[in-house]
Protein backbone atom coordinates (compact mmCIF):
# COMPACT_ATOMS: atom_id res chain seq x y z
CA MET A 1 13.28 17.80 -47.68
CA PHE A 2 14.93 14.51 -46.72
CA THR A 3 12.41 12.32 -44.90
CA LEU A 4 13.46 9.29 -42.86
CA LEU A 5 11.35 6.75 -40.97
CA VAL A 6 12.80 6.23 -37.50
CA ALA A 7 11.58 3.60 -35.04
CA GLY A 8 12.53 3.29 -31.40
CA ASP A 9 11.45 1.72 -28.12
CA HIS A 10 9.84 3.42 -25.14
CA ASN A 11 8.29 1.69 -22.12
CA GLY A 12 8.46 -1.67 -23.89
CA GLU A 13 6.52 -0.43 -26.94
CA LYS A 14 7.74 0.20 -30.47
CA HIS A 15 7.12 3.60 -32.03
CA ASN A 16 7.84 4.77 -35.57
CA PHE A 17 8.09 8.39 -36.68
CA GLU A 18 8.32 10.14 -40.01
CA LEU A 19 11.07 12.74 -39.62
CA PRO A 20 11.30 15.34 -42.40
CA PHE A 21 14.83 16.74 -42.21
CA PRO A 22 15.22 20.06 -44.07
CA VAL A 23 18.13 18.51 -46.03
CA GLN A 24 20.08 15.25 -45.81
CA PRO A 25 22.12 15.33 -42.57
CA ALA A 26 25.79 15.95 -43.29
CA SER A 27 27.07 13.49 -40.69
CA LEU A 28 26.03 10.64 -38.44
CA ALA A 29 26.36 12.97 -35.44
CA GLU A 30 23.99 15.47 -37.07
CA LEU A 31 21.51 12.70 -37.88
CA CYS A 32 21.54 11.42 -34.28
CA GLU A 33 21.13 14.97 -32.96
CA GLY A 34 18.04 15.41 -35.15
CA ILE A 35 16.58 12.10 -33.96
CA ASN A 36 17.26 13.01 -30.32
CA GLU A 37 15.61 16.40 -30.87
CA SER A 38 12.46 14.76 -32.27
CA PHE A 39 12.21 11.74 -29.96
CA SER A 40 12.76 13.55 -26.64
CA PRO A 41 9.40 15.43 -26.65
CA GLU A 42 7.57 12.31 -27.87
CA PHE A 43 8.74 10.30 -24.87
CA ASN A 44 8.99 13.14 -22.33
CA LEU A 45 12.60 12.24 -21.58
CA LYS A 46 16.04 12.94 -22.91
CA PHE A 47 16.47 10.45 -25.76
CA VAL A 48 20.09 9.84 -26.77
CA VAL A 49 20.80 7.54 -29.71
CA GLU A 50 23.34 4.91 -28.73
CA ARG A 51 23.07 2.76 -31.85
CA LEU A 52 21.41 3.33 -35.21
CA GLN A 53 20.48 0.72 -37.80
CA TYR A 54 18.77 0.83 -41.19
CA PHE A 55 16.76 -1.83 -42.96
CA ASP A 56 18.72 -3.01 -45.99
CA VAL A 57 16.00 -4.02 -48.44
CA SER A 58 18.40 -5.82 -50.79
CA ALA A 59 19.82 -7.96 -47.95
CA GLY A 60 16.48 -8.30 -46.14
CA GLY A 61 17.92 -7.36 -42.76
CA TRP A 62 19.12 -4.69 -40.36
CA ARG A 63 22.58 -3.12 -40.75
CA ASP A 64 24.44 -0.59 -38.61
CA VAL A 65 24.51 2.90 -40.06
CA GLN A 66 28.18 3.73 -40.64
CA ASP A 67 27.71 6.85 -42.74
CA VAL A 68 24.79 9.02 -43.85
CA SER A 69 25.64 8.23 -47.48
CA GLN A 70 24.02 4.80 -46.88
CA LEU A 71 20.63 6.48 -46.50
CA ARG A 72 18.03 7.37 -49.09
CA PRO A 73 14.75 9.23 -48.56
CA TYR A 74 12.25 7.13 -46.58
CA THR A 75 14.87 4.67 -45.34
CA GLN A 76 13.56 2.81 -42.27
CA LEU A 77 15.88 3.33 -39.31
CA TYR A 78 15.86 1.88 -35.80
CA ALA A 79 17.29 4.05 -33.03
CA VAL A 80 18.44 2.35 -29.84
CA ALA A 81 18.91 4.63 -26.84
CA SER A 82 20.61 3.93 -23.56
CA GLY A 83 18.26 3.62 -20.61
CA THR A 84 15.12 2.79 -22.62
CA ALA A 85 13.21 -0.44 -22.18
CA ASN A 86 13.41 -2.59 -25.29
CA SER A 87 10.20 -3.97 -26.73
CA ASP A 88 9.44 -7.53 -27.72
CA GLN A 89 11.58 -7.95 -30.85
CA SER A 90 8.98 -10.21 -32.47
CA LYS A 91 6.46 -7.35 -32.62
CA PRO A 92 6.36 -5.59 -35.98
CA ILE A 93 7.34 -1.94 -36.27
CA PRO A 94 4.14 0.12 -36.46
CA ALA A 95 3.28 2.38 -39.36
CA PRO A 96 5.06 5.73 -39.11
CA ARG A 97 3.36 8.85 -37.83
CA ARG A 98 4.54 12.45 -37.90
CA ALA A 99 6.64 13.46 -34.91
CA LYS A 100 5.50 16.41 -32.78
CA GLN A 101 8.84 18.12 -33.37
CA THR A 102 10.76 17.96 -36.62
CA PRO A 103 14.56 18.00 -36.71
CA SER A 104 16.06 21.42 -37.36
CA LEU A 105 19.71 20.52 -38.14
CA ARG A 106 20.91 23.67 -36.40
CA GLY A 107 24.53 22.93 -37.27
CA SER A 108 23.89 22.64 -41.02
CA ALA A 109 24.57 25.05 -43.76
CA THR A 110 21.51 26.47 -45.45
CA PRO A 111 19.90 24.09 -47.98
CA ALA A 112 21.02 26.26 -50.90
CA ALA A 113 24.64 26.02 -49.76
CA ARG A 114 24.65 22.24 -49.35
CA THR A 115 25.03 19.58 -51.99
CA VAL A 116 23.31 16.28 -51.37
């Protein structure tokens, strides 16, 4: 299990979900697909990640995700989607809650066949 915390905006409000991926996503595209898969039912719309950032604890700020190798379990991410209303940036990100739908990583090899 490779759990990530992923926040996003919907209707001007911040939301934060705990997404337990079966294994670490193999690519940024696979990661975004898993986020889209989990966020869409939460917001009752097609959620498509346009930009993805992670909170870099050592630098104390947000950085763009360039590669999935930058991520560790429980990394806090922020997914920005096209066509969603952004929230007030001064509001804190809420505590994470479990998403209704967990990412399946349909394009991945089985966990036993993958090295992380």
